[in-house]
């Protein structure tokens, strides 16, 4: 009787081998099923997919318009990828933020510096744009012939003089 009884360990591998070979062999029924690429998509699902893609394109275009307003150098996704802050931007988008919000957060410092430089340049341009309107010689002459520039020159040496005293001295100076 000892020869007829086999240990449990020997029985288990013998039972597993036929089961392991079954999935490798294709049954005729499995061959007849169409593959996922071959299945026809119902028109309703096709329409829903097209609508979803169109909605996604609209959202992406709107987000890119917002980013373009913040940073005129960014016009496409390739421009986004070329930004130095792209790694941080990508992590923020993957965490669930909107594309424009992620861009604002990732590029906040650089955008702030650009806006400050632009404001500074605009102020300089505005100031230079009106220089041609400044009067030559310090302003129009008064009845006494004194300009603001002449009065300032006299007051450098005689700060307490009144306009009348400056005018009297100036007339006497011109007569000599």
N, C-alpha and C. Protein backbone atom coordinates (compact mmCIF):
# COMPACT_ATOMS: atom_id res chain seq x y z
N UNK A 1 0.79 -1.18 0.00
CA UNK A 1 0.00 0.00 0.00
C UNK A 1 0.84 1.25 0.00
N UNK A 2 1.98 1.15 0.44
CA UNK A 2 2.85 2.31 0.45
C UNK A 2 3.12 2.80 -0.96
N UNK A 3 3.23 2.01 -1.91
CA UNK A 3 3.52 2.42 -3.27
C UNK A 3 2.32 3.09 -3.93
N UNK A 4 1.13 2.71 -3.51
CA UNK A 4 -0.04 3.30 -4.14
C UNK A 4 -0.31 4.71 -3.63
N UNK A 5 0.03 5.02 -2.44
CA UNK A 5 -0.22 6.36 -1.91
C UNK A 5 0.93 7.28 -2.32
N UNK A 6 0.55 8.39 -2.86
CA UNK A 6 1.55 9.40 -3.21
C UNK A 6 1.37 10.58 -2.26
N UNK A 7 2.47 11.25 -2.00
CA UNK A 7 2.34 12.43 -1.13
C UNK A 7 1.55 13.53 -1.87
N UNK A 8 0.98 14.45 -1.11
CA UNK A 8 0.15 15.52 -1.65
C UNK A 8 0.99 16.43 -2.56
N UNK A 9 2.24 16.61 -2.27
CA UNK A 9 3.11 17.46 -3.07
C UNK A 9 3.22 16.97 -4.50
N UNK A 10 3.24 15.68 -4.71
CA UNK A 10 3.37 15.13 -6.05
C UNK A 10 2.08 15.27 -6.84
N UNK A 11 0.95 15.26 -6.16
CA UNK A 11 -0.33 15.37 -6.85
C UNK A 11 -0.60 16.80 -7.33
N UNK A 12 -0.25 17.77 -6.57
CA UNK A 12 -0.55 19.15 -6.91
C UNK A 12 0.11 19.58 -8.22
N UNK A 13 1.41 19.32 -8.46
CA UNK A 13 1.98 19.74 -9.74
C UNK A 13 1.36 19.00 -10.91
N UNK A 14 0.99 17.80 -10.74
CA UNK A 14 0.40 17.05 -11.84
C UNK A 14 -0.96 17.63 -12.21
N UNK A 15 -1.68 18.16 -11.25
CA UNK A 15 -3.00 18.72 -11.55
C UNK A 15 -2.88 20.11 -12.15
N UNK A 16 -1.84 20.84 -11.83
CA UNK A 16 -1.69 22.21 -12.32
C UNK A 16 -1.30 22.27 -13.78
N UNK A 17 -0.54 21.33 -14.25
CA UNK A 17 -0.03 21.40 -15.61
C UNK A 17 -1.13 21.41 -16.65
N UNK A 18 -2.12 20.58 -16.61
CA UNK A 18 -3.17 20.67 -17.62
C UNK A 18 -3.91 22.00 -17.55
N UNK A 19 -4.11 22.53 -16.37
CA UNK A 19 -4.81 23.81 -16.23
C UNK A 19 -3.98 24.94 -16.82
N UNK A 20 -2.68 24.88 -16.71
CA UNK A 20 -1.80 25.93 -17.22
C UNK A 20 -1.76 25.90 -18.74
N UNK A 21 -1.98 24.77 -19.34
CA UNK A 21 -1.91 24.67 -20.79
C UNK A 21 -3.19 25.15 -21.46
N UNK A 22 -4.30 25.15 -20.77
CA UNK A 22 -5.57 25.53 -21.37
C UNK A 22 -5.61 26.98 -21.84
N UNK A 23 -5.14 28.00 -21.06
CA UNK A 23 -5.23 29.36 -21.56
C UNK A 23 -4.35 29.61 -22.78
N UNK A 24 -3.28 28.86 -22.93
CA UNK A 24 -2.40 29.07 -24.07
C UNK A 24 -3.08 28.64 -25.36
N UNK A 25 -3.98 27.66 -25.29
CA UNK A 25 -4.67 27.21 -26.49
C UNK A 25 -5.93 28.05 -26.68
N UNK A 26 -6.15 28.52 -27.89
CA UNK A 26 -7.35 29.31 -28.16
C UNK A 26 -8.49 28.38 -28.50
N UNK A 27 -9.59 28.65 -27.90
CA UNK A 27 -10.77 27.85 -28.23
C UNK A 27 -11.38 28.42 -29.51
N UNK A 28 -12.13 27.62 -30.23
CA UNK A 28 -12.76 28.12 -31.47
C UNK A 28 -13.71 29.28 -31.20
N UNK A 29 -14.36 29.32 -30.04
CA UNK A 29 -15.29 30.41 -29.73
C UNK A 29 -14.52 31.72 -29.53
N UNK A 30 -13.32 31.64 -28.93
CA UNK A 30 -12.51 32.84 -28.71
C UNK A 30 -12.01 33.40 -30.02
N UNK A 31 -11.74 32.56 -30.99
CA UNK A 31 -11.26 33.03 -32.29
C UNK A 31 -12.34 33.77 -33.06
N UNK A 32 -13.59 33.44 -32.81
CA UNK A 32 -14.70 34.04 -33.54
C UNK A 32 -15.05 35.43 -33.02
N UNK A 33 -14.70 35.77 -31.77
CA UNK A 33 -15.04 37.08 -31.22
C UNK A 33 -14.20 38.15 -31.91
N UNK A 34 -14.81 39.25 -32.28
CA UNK A 34 -14.04 40.32 -32.92
C UNK A 34 -13.13 41.00 -31.90
N UNK A 35 -12.00 41.47 -32.35
CA UNK A 35 -11.06 42.19 -31.51
C UNK A 35 -11.63 43.60 -31.26
N UNK A 36 -11.18 44.28 -30.18
CA UNK A 36 -11.73 45.60 -29.87
C UNK A 36 -11.56 46.60 -31.02
N UNK A 37 -10.47 46.53 -31.78
CA UNK A 37 -10.28 47.46 -32.89
C UNK A 37 -11.26 47.17 -34.02
N UNK A 38 -11.70 45.95 -34.12
CA UNK A 38 -12.56 45.55 -35.22
C UNK A 38 -14.03 45.81 -34.93
N UNK A 39 -14.37 46.06 -33.68
CA UNK A 39 -15.76 46.28 -33.33
C UNK A 39 -16.22 47.63 -33.87
N UNK A 40 -17.39 47.67 -34.40
CA UNK A 40 -17.95 48.92 -34.92
C UNK A 40 -18.46 49.74 -33.75
N UNK A 41 -18.17 51.06 -33.78
CA UNK A 41 -18.62 51.95 -32.72
C UNK A 41 -20.02 52.41 -33.06
N UNK A 42 -20.95 52.25 -32.13
CA UNK A 42 -22.32 52.71 -32.40
C UNK A 42 -22.32 54.22 -32.66
N UNK A 43 -23.19 54.70 -33.53
CA UNK A 43 -23.21 56.13 -33.86
C UNK A 43 -23.42 57.04 -32.66
N UNK A 44 -24.18 56.60 -31.67
CA UNK A 44 -24.42 57.42 -30.49
C UNK A 44 -23.12 57.63 -29.73
N UNK A 45 -22.33 56.56 -29.56
CA UNK A 45 -21.06 56.69 -28.86
C UNK A 45 -20.07 57.51 -29.67
N UNK A 46 -20.10 57.36 -30.99
CA UNK A 46 -19.21 58.13 -31.85
C UNK A 46 -19.53 59.62 -31.73
N UNK A 47 -20.81 59.96 -31.72
CA UNK A 47 -21.24 61.35 -31.57
C UNK A 47 -20.82 61.90 -30.21
N UNK A 48 -21.00 61.11 -29.15
CA UNK A 48 -20.63 61.54 -27.80
C UNK A 48 -19.13 61.77 -27.71
N UNK A 49 -18.35 60.91 -28.34
CA UNK A 49 -16.90 61.07 -28.34
C UNK A 49 -16.49 62.34 -29.08
N UNK A 50 -17.13 62.59 -30.22
CA UNK A 50 -16.84 63.82 -30.98
C UNK A 50 -17.19 65.06 -30.18
N UNK A 51 -18.32 65.03 -29.48
CA UNK A 51 -18.74 66.16 -28.65
C UNK A 51 -17.73 66.40 -27.52
N UNK A 52 -17.28 65.32 -26.92
CA UNK A 52 -16.32 65.43 -25.83
C UNK A 52 -14.99 66.00 -26.34
N UNK A 53 -14.54 65.55 -27.50
CA UNK A 53 -13.31 66.09 -28.08
C UNK A 53 -13.46 67.56 -28.45
N UNK A 54 -14.61 67.93 -28.98
CA UNK A 54 -14.85 69.34 -29.35
C UNK A 54 -14.86 70.22 -28.10
N UNK A 55 -15.47 69.74 -27.04
CA UNK A 55 -15.50 70.48 -25.77
C UNK A 55 -14.09 70.64 -25.22
N UNK A 56 -13.30 69.58 -25.30
CA UNK A 56 -11.92 69.64 -24.85
C UNK A 56 -11.09 70.63 -25.66
N UNK A 57 -11.32 70.67 -26.98
CA UNK A 57 -10.61 71.64 -27.82
C UNK A 57 -10.99 73.07 -27.46
N UNK A 58 -12.29 73.31 -27.19
CA UNK A 58 -12.74 74.65 -26.82
C UNK A 58 -12.11 75.08 -25.50
N UNK A 59 -12.08 74.19 -24.54
CA UNK A 59 -11.48 74.51 -23.24
C UNK A 59 -9.98 74.80 -23.41
N UNK A 60 -9.31 73.97 -24.19
CA UNK A 60 -7.87 74.18 -24.42
C UNK A 60 -7.62 75.51 -25.12
N UNK A 61 -8.43 75.84 -26.12
CA UNK A 61 -8.26 77.12 -26.82
C UNK A 61 -8.48 78.30 -25.89
N UNK A 62 -9.48 78.21 -25.03
CA UNK A 62 -9.74 79.28 -24.07
C UNK A 62 -8.59 79.42 -23.08
N UNK A 63 -8.08 78.31 -22.59
CA UNK A 63 -6.94 78.34 -21.66
C UNK A 63 -5.71 78.95 -22.34
N UNK A 64 -5.47 78.58 -23.58
CA UNK A 64 -4.31 79.12 -24.32
C UNK A 64 -4.50 80.62 -24.59
N UNK A 65 -5.75 81.06 -24.79
CA UNK A 65 -6.01 82.49 -24.98
C UNK A 65 -5.67 83.26 -23.70
N UNK A 66 -6.03 82.71 -22.55
CA UNK A 66 -5.73 83.35 -21.26
C UNK A 66 -4.22 83.41 -21.06
N UNK A 67 -3.53 82.31 -21.34
CA UNK A 67 -2.08 82.28 -21.18
C UNK A 67 -1.43 83.26 -22.15
N UNK A 68 -1.94 83.33 -23.38
CA UNK A 68 -1.39 84.27 -24.36
C UNK A 68 -1.55 85.72 -23.92
N UNK A 69 -2.63 86.02 -23.20
CA UNK A 69 -2.81 87.38 -22.68
C UNK A 69 -1.79 87.67 -21.57
N UNK A 70 -1.46 86.66 -20.78
CA UNK A 70 -0.47 86.85 -19.72
C UNK A 70 0.95 86.93 -20.27
N UNK A 71 1.24 86.08 -21.22
CA UNK A 71 2.58 85.97 -21.78
C UNK A 71 2.47 85.87 -23.30
N UNK A 72 2.62 86.99 -24.00
CA UNK A 72 2.42 86.98 -25.46
C UNK A 72 3.37 86.04 -26.20
N UNK A 73 4.43 85.60 -25.58
CA UNK A 73 5.36 84.69 -26.22
C UNK A 73 4.85 83.27 -26.33
N UNK A 74 3.78 82.94 -25.62
CA UNK A 74 3.23 81.59 -25.63
C UNK A 74 2.00 81.56 -26.53
N UNK A 75 2.13 80.85 -27.64
CA UNK A 75 1.02 80.75 -28.59
C UNK A 75 0.56 79.32 -28.81
N UNK A 76 1.36 78.33 -28.39
CA UNK A 76 1.00 76.94 -28.63
C UNK A 76 1.50 76.08 -27.47
N UNK A 77 1.13 74.81 -27.52
CA UNK A 77 1.59 73.88 -26.49
C UNK A 77 3.11 73.68 -26.57
N UNK A 78 3.66 73.78 -27.78
CA UNK A 78 5.12 73.66 -27.93
C UNK A 78 5.82 74.82 -27.22
N UNK A 79 5.22 76.01 -27.28
CA UNK A 79 5.79 77.15 -26.57
C UNK A 79 5.74 76.93 -25.06
N UNK A 80 4.66 76.32 -24.59
CA UNK A 80 4.55 76.00 -23.16
C UNK A 80 5.65 75.05 -22.74
N UNK A 81 5.90 74.05 -23.57
CA UNK A 81 6.91 73.05 -23.26
C UNK A 81 8.31 73.65 -23.22
N UNK A 82 8.53 74.73 -23.97
CA UNK A 82 9.84 75.37 -24.04
C UNK A 82 10.11 76.30 -22.85
N UNK A 83 9.09 76.57 -22.04
CA UNK A 83 9.27 77.48 -20.90
C UNK A 83 10.18 76.85 -19.86
N UNK A 84 10.99 77.67 -19.17
CA UNK A 84 11.89 77.11 -18.15
C UNK A 84 11.16 76.50 -16.96
N UNK A 85 9.93 76.92 -16.73
CA UNK A 85 9.15 76.43 -15.59
C UNK A 85 8.25 75.27 -15.96
N UNK A 86 8.48 74.61 -17.10
CA UNK A 86 7.56 73.58 -17.59
C UNK A 86 7.41 72.42 -16.60
N UNK A 87 8.48 72.00 -15.94
CA UNK A 87 8.38 70.89 -14.99
C UNK A 87 7.38 71.17 -13.88
N UNK A 88 7.49 72.36 -13.32
CA UNK A 88 6.56 72.74 -12.24
C UNK A 88 5.14 72.88 -12.81
N UNK A 89 5.00 73.47 -13.98
CA UNK A 89 3.71 73.63 -14.64
C UNK A 89 3.06 72.26 -14.86
N UNK A 90 3.83 71.31 -15.36
CA UNK A 90 3.32 69.96 -15.65
C UNK A 90 2.81 69.29 -14.37
N UNK A 91 3.58 69.40 -13.29
CA UNK A 91 3.14 68.80 -12.01
C UNK A 91 1.83 69.44 -11.53
N UNK A 92 1.69 70.76 -11.69
CA UNK A 92 0.47 71.43 -11.25
C UNK A 92 -0.74 71.00 -12.08
N UNK A 93 -0.54 70.85 -13.40
CA UNK A 93 -1.64 70.41 -14.26
C UNK A 93 -2.04 68.98 -13.91
N UNK A 94 -1.07 68.12 -13.67
CA UNK A 94 -1.37 66.73 -13.32
C UNK A 94 -2.05 66.62 -11.96
N UNK A 95 -1.85 67.63 -11.10
CA UNK A 95 -2.50 67.59 -9.79
C UNK A 95 -3.96 68.05 -9.88
N UNK A 96 -4.39 68.54 -11.06
CA UNK A 96 -5.79 68.85 -11.23
C UNK A 96 -6.10 70.32 -11.47
N UNK A 97 -5.11 71.19 -11.51
CA UNK A 97 -5.36 72.61 -11.75
C UNK A 97 -5.66 72.86 -13.22
N UNK A 98 -6.39 73.92 -13.48
CA UNK A 98 -6.63 74.34 -14.86
C UNK A 98 -5.30 74.78 -15.46
N UNK A 99 -5.18 74.68 -16.76
CA UNK A 99 -3.92 74.98 -17.43
C UNK A 99 -3.50 76.43 -17.18
N UNK A 100 -4.44 77.37 -17.28
CA UNK A 100 -4.08 78.78 -17.09
C UNK A 100 -3.67 79.06 -15.64
N UNK A 101 -4.37 78.46 -14.69
CA UNK A 101 -4.02 78.65 -13.28
C UNK A 101 -2.65 78.04 -12.97
N UNK A 102 -2.38 76.89 -13.52
CA UNK A 102 -1.08 76.25 -13.31
C UNK A 102 0.03 77.10 -13.91
N UNK A 103 -0.22 77.69 -15.07
CA UNK A 103 0.79 78.55 -15.71
C UNK A 103 1.05 79.79 -14.85
N UNK A 104 -0.02 80.38 -14.32
CA UNK A 104 0.14 81.57 -13.47
C UNK A 104 0.98 81.23 -12.24
N UNK A 105 0.71 80.10 -11.62
CA UNK A 105 1.47 79.72 -10.43
C UNK A 105 2.92 79.37 -10.76
N UNK A 106 3.12 78.63 -11.81
CA UNK A 106 4.46 78.18 -12.15
C UNK A 106 5.34 79.34 -12.60
N UNK A 107 4.77 80.31 -13.28
CA UNK A 107 5.55 81.40 -13.87
C UNK A 107 5.33 82.73 -13.17
N UNK A 108 4.84 82.72 -11.95
CA UNK A 108 4.47 83.93 -11.24
C UNK A 108 5.63 84.92 -11.14
N UNK A 109 6.78 84.46 -10.72
CA UNK A 109 7.92 85.36 -10.52
C UNK A 109 8.38 85.98 -11.84
N UNK A 110 8.52 85.17 -12.86
CA UNK A 110 8.98 85.67 -14.16
C UNK A 110 7.97 86.64 -14.75
N UNK A 111 6.68 86.30 -14.66
CA UNK A 111 5.64 87.19 -15.18
C UNK A 111 5.60 88.50 -14.41
N UNK A 112 5.82 88.45 -13.10
CA UNK A 112 5.86 89.67 -12.29
C UNK A 112 7.01 90.57 -12.69
N UNK A 113 8.18 89.98 -12.90
CA UNK A 113 9.34 90.77 -13.34
C UNK A 113 9.08 91.40 -14.71
N UNK A 114 8.47 90.63 -15.61
CA UNK A 114 8.18 91.16 -16.95
C UNK A 114 7.19 92.32 -16.88
N UNK A 115 6.17 92.18 -16.04
CA UNK A 115 5.17 93.25 -15.93
C UNK A 115 5.78 94.50 -15.30
N UNK A 116 6.65 94.32 -14.30
CA UNK A 116 7.30 95.47 -13.68
C UNK A 116 8.21 96.18 -14.69
N UNK A 117 8.96 95.42 -15.47
CA UNK A 117 9.82 96.01 -16.49
C UNK A 117 8.99 96.73 -17.55
N UNK A 118 7.87 96.16 -17.94
CA UNK A 118 7.01 96.79 -18.93
C UNK A 118 6.41 98.09 -18.38
N UNK A 119 6.00 98.10 -17.12
CA UNK A 119 5.45 99.31 -16.52
C UNK A 119 6.52 100.39 -16.42
N UNK A 120 7.72 100.00 -16.03
CA UNK A 120 8.84 100.95 -15.95
C UNK A 120 9.12 101.56 -17.32
N UNK A 121 9.17 100.72 -18.34
CA UNK A 121 9.44 101.21 -19.69
C UNK A 121 8.30 102.11 -20.18
N UNK A 122 7.07 101.77 -19.84
CA UNK A 122 5.93 102.60 -20.25
C UNK A 122 6.02 103.98 -19.60
N UNK A 123 6.42 104.03 -18.31
CA UNK A 123 6.57 105.32 -17.63
C UNK A 123 7.69 106.14 -18.27
N UNK A 124 8.79 105.49 -18.62
CA UNK A 124 9.90 106.19 -19.28
C UNK A 124 9.45 106.72 -20.63
N UNK A 125 8.75 105.89 -21.38
CA UNK A 125 8.27 106.32 -22.70
C UNK A 125 7.28 107.48 -22.59
N UNK A 126 6.42 107.44 -21.59
CA UNK A 126 5.45 108.52 -21.40
C UNK A 126 6.16 109.82 -21.05
N UNK A 127 7.17 109.71 -20.22
CA UNK A 127 7.91 110.91 -19.83
C UNK A 127 8.68 111.48 -21.04
N UNK A 128 9.33 110.60 -21.79
CA UNK A 128 10.09 111.06 -22.96
C UNK A 128 9.17 111.55 -24.06
N UNK A 129 7.98 111.03 -24.10
CA UNK A 129 7.04 111.43 -25.14
C UNK A 129 6.58 112.87 -25.00
N UNK A 130 6.70 113.45 -23.81
CA UNK A 130 6.23 114.82 -23.60
C UNK A 130 7.37 115.82 -23.45
N UNK A 131 8.62 115.38 -23.57
CA UNK A 131 9.76 116.30 -23.44
C UNK A 131 9.72 117.38 -24.50
N UNK A 132 9.24 117.05 -25.67
CA UNK A 132 9.22 118.04 -26.74
C UNK A 132 8.24 119.18 -26.46
N UNK A 133 7.37 118.99 -25.47
CA UNK A 133 6.40 120.03 -25.12
C UNK A 133 6.94 121.01 -24.08
N UNK A 134 8.04 120.71 -23.43
CA UNK A 134 8.60 121.57 -22.39
C UNK A 134 9.12 122.86 -23.03
N UNK A 135 8.86 124.00 -22.38
CA UNK A 135 9.33 125.26 -22.94
C UNK A 135 10.85 125.38 -22.85
N UNK A 136 11.41 126.05 -23.78
CA UNK A 136 12.85 126.29 -23.80
C UNK A 136 13.12 127.52 -22.96
N UNK A 137 14.12 127.46 -22.11
CA UNK A 137 14.47 128.63 -21.31
C UNK A 137 13.68 128.75 -20.04
N UNK A 138 12.95 127.77 -19.64
CA UNK A 138 12.29 127.78 -18.34
C UNK A 138 10.90 128.35 -18.34
N UNK A 139 10.33 128.71 -19.43
CA UNK A 139 8.95 129.17 -19.43
C UNK A 139 8.81 130.51 -20.12
N UNK A 140 7.59 130.97 -20.22
CA UNK A 140 7.37 132.25 -20.91
C UNK A 140 7.89 133.43 -20.09
N UNK A 141 8.28 134.45 -20.79
CA UNK A 141 8.77 135.66 -20.10
C UNK A 141 7.60 136.39 -19.46
N UNK A 142 7.86 136.95 -18.30
CA UNK A 142 6.87 137.77 -17.62
C UNK A 142 7.01 139.21 -18.13
N UNK A 143 6.20 140.13 -17.61
CA UNK A 143 6.27 141.53 -18.03
C UNK A 143 7.62 142.15 -17.72
N UNK A 144 8.21 141.67 -16.62
CA UNK A 144 9.50 142.23 -16.23
C UNK A 144 10.67 141.58 -16.96
N UNK A 145 10.41 140.60 -17.82
CA UNK A 145 11.47 139.97 -18.60
C UNK A 145 12.17 138.83 -17.87
N UNK A 146 11.66 138.43 -16.73
CA UNK A 146 12.30 137.37 -15.95
C UNK A 146 11.65 136.02 -16.26
N UNK A 147 12.46 135.02 -16.41
CA UNK A 147 11.97 133.65 -16.55
C UNK A 147 12.19 132.94 -15.22
N UNK A 148 11.57 131.77 -15.11
CA UNK A 148 11.76 130.98 -13.88
C UNK A 148 13.23 130.60 -13.70
N UNK A 149 13.90 130.36 -14.78
CA UNK A 149 15.31 129.97 -14.73
C UNK A 149 16.17 131.12 -14.20
N UNK A 150 15.89 132.36 -14.64
CA UNK A 150 16.67 133.52 -14.17
C UNK A 150 16.42 133.74 -12.68
N UNK A 151 15.17 133.61 -12.27
CA UNK A 151 14.83 133.80 -10.85
C UNK A 151 15.54 132.75 -10.00
N UNK A 152 15.56 131.50 -10.45
CA UNK A 152 16.26 130.45 -9.70
C UNK A 152 17.75 130.75 -9.59
N UNK A 153 18.36 131.27 -10.66
CA UNK A 153 19.79 131.60 -10.61
C UNK A 153 20.06 132.70 -9.57
N UNK A 154 19.23 133.75 -9.53
CA UNK A 154 19.43 134.82 -8.56
C UNK A 154 19.22 134.30 -7.14
N UNK A 155 18.24 133.42 -6.95
CA UNK A 155 17.93 132.94 -5.59
C UNK A 155 18.96 131.95 -5.07
N UNK A 156 19.78 131.41 -5.95
CA UNK A 156 20.87 130.55 -5.47
C UNK A 156 21.84 131.37 -4.61
N UNK A 157 22.06 132.62 -5.00
CA UNK A 157 23.02 133.46 -4.28
C UNK A 157 22.34 134.38 -3.27
N UNK A 158 21.08 134.71 -3.50
CA UNK A 158 20.34 135.60 -2.61
C UNK A 158 18.96 134.98 -2.36
N UNK A 159 18.87 133.94 -1.50
CA UNK A 159 17.61 133.21 -1.34
C UNK A 159 16.47 134.06 -0.77
N UNK A 160 16.74 135.19 -0.11
CA UNK A 160 15.67 135.97 0.53
C UNK A 160 15.13 137.07 -0.39
N UNK A 161 15.67 137.24 -1.53
CA UNK A 161 15.21 138.30 -2.43
C UNK A 161 13.82 138.00 -2.93
N UNK A 162 13.03 139.02 -3.05
CA UNK A 162 11.69 138.89 -3.63
C UNK A 162 11.79 139.02 -5.15
N UNK A 163 10.70 138.77 -5.80
CA UNK A 163 10.70 138.89 -7.25
C UNK A 163 10.96 140.35 -7.67
N UNK A 164 10.41 141.29 -6.93
CA UNK A 164 10.61 142.71 -7.24
C UNK A 164 12.08 143.10 -7.10
N UNK A 165 12.74 142.62 -6.06
CA UNK A 165 14.17 142.93 -5.87
C UNK A 165 15.01 142.32 -6.99
N UNK A 166 14.66 141.08 -7.38
CA UNK A 166 15.38 140.41 -8.46
C UNK A 166 15.17 141.18 -9.77
N UNK A 167 13.94 141.64 -10.03
CA UNK A 167 13.65 142.38 -11.26
C UNK A 167 14.42 143.70 -11.29
N UNK A 168 14.48 144.42 -10.15
CA UNK A 168 15.21 145.68 -10.10
C UNK A 168 16.70 145.46 -10.36
N UNK A 169 17.27 144.46 -9.71
CA UNK A 169 18.69 144.20 -9.91
C UNK A 169 18.96 143.77 -11.35
N UNK A 170 18.08 142.97 -11.89
CA UNK A 170 18.26 142.47 -13.26
C UNK A 170 18.20 143.63 -14.26
N UNK A 171 17.28 144.59 -14.07
CA UNK A 171 17.18 145.74 -14.98
C UNK A 171 18.47 146.58 -14.90
N UNK A 172 18.96 146.78 -13.68
CA UNK A 172 20.18 147.58 -13.53
C UNK A 172 21.38 146.85 -14.13
N UNK A 173 21.36 145.55 -14.02
CA UNK A 173 22.46 144.74 -14.58
C UNK A 173 22.45 144.83 -16.09
N UNK A 174 21.26 144.79 -16.69
CA UNK A 174 21.15 144.82 -18.15
C UNK A 174 21.52 146.20 -18.69
N UNK A 175 21.30 147.30 -17.92
CA UNK A 175 21.57 148.64 -18.40
C UNK A 175 23.05 148.94 -18.42
N UNK A 176 23.81 148.32 -17.55
CA UNK A 176 25.24 148.63 -17.48
C UNK A 176 25.97 148.14 -18.64
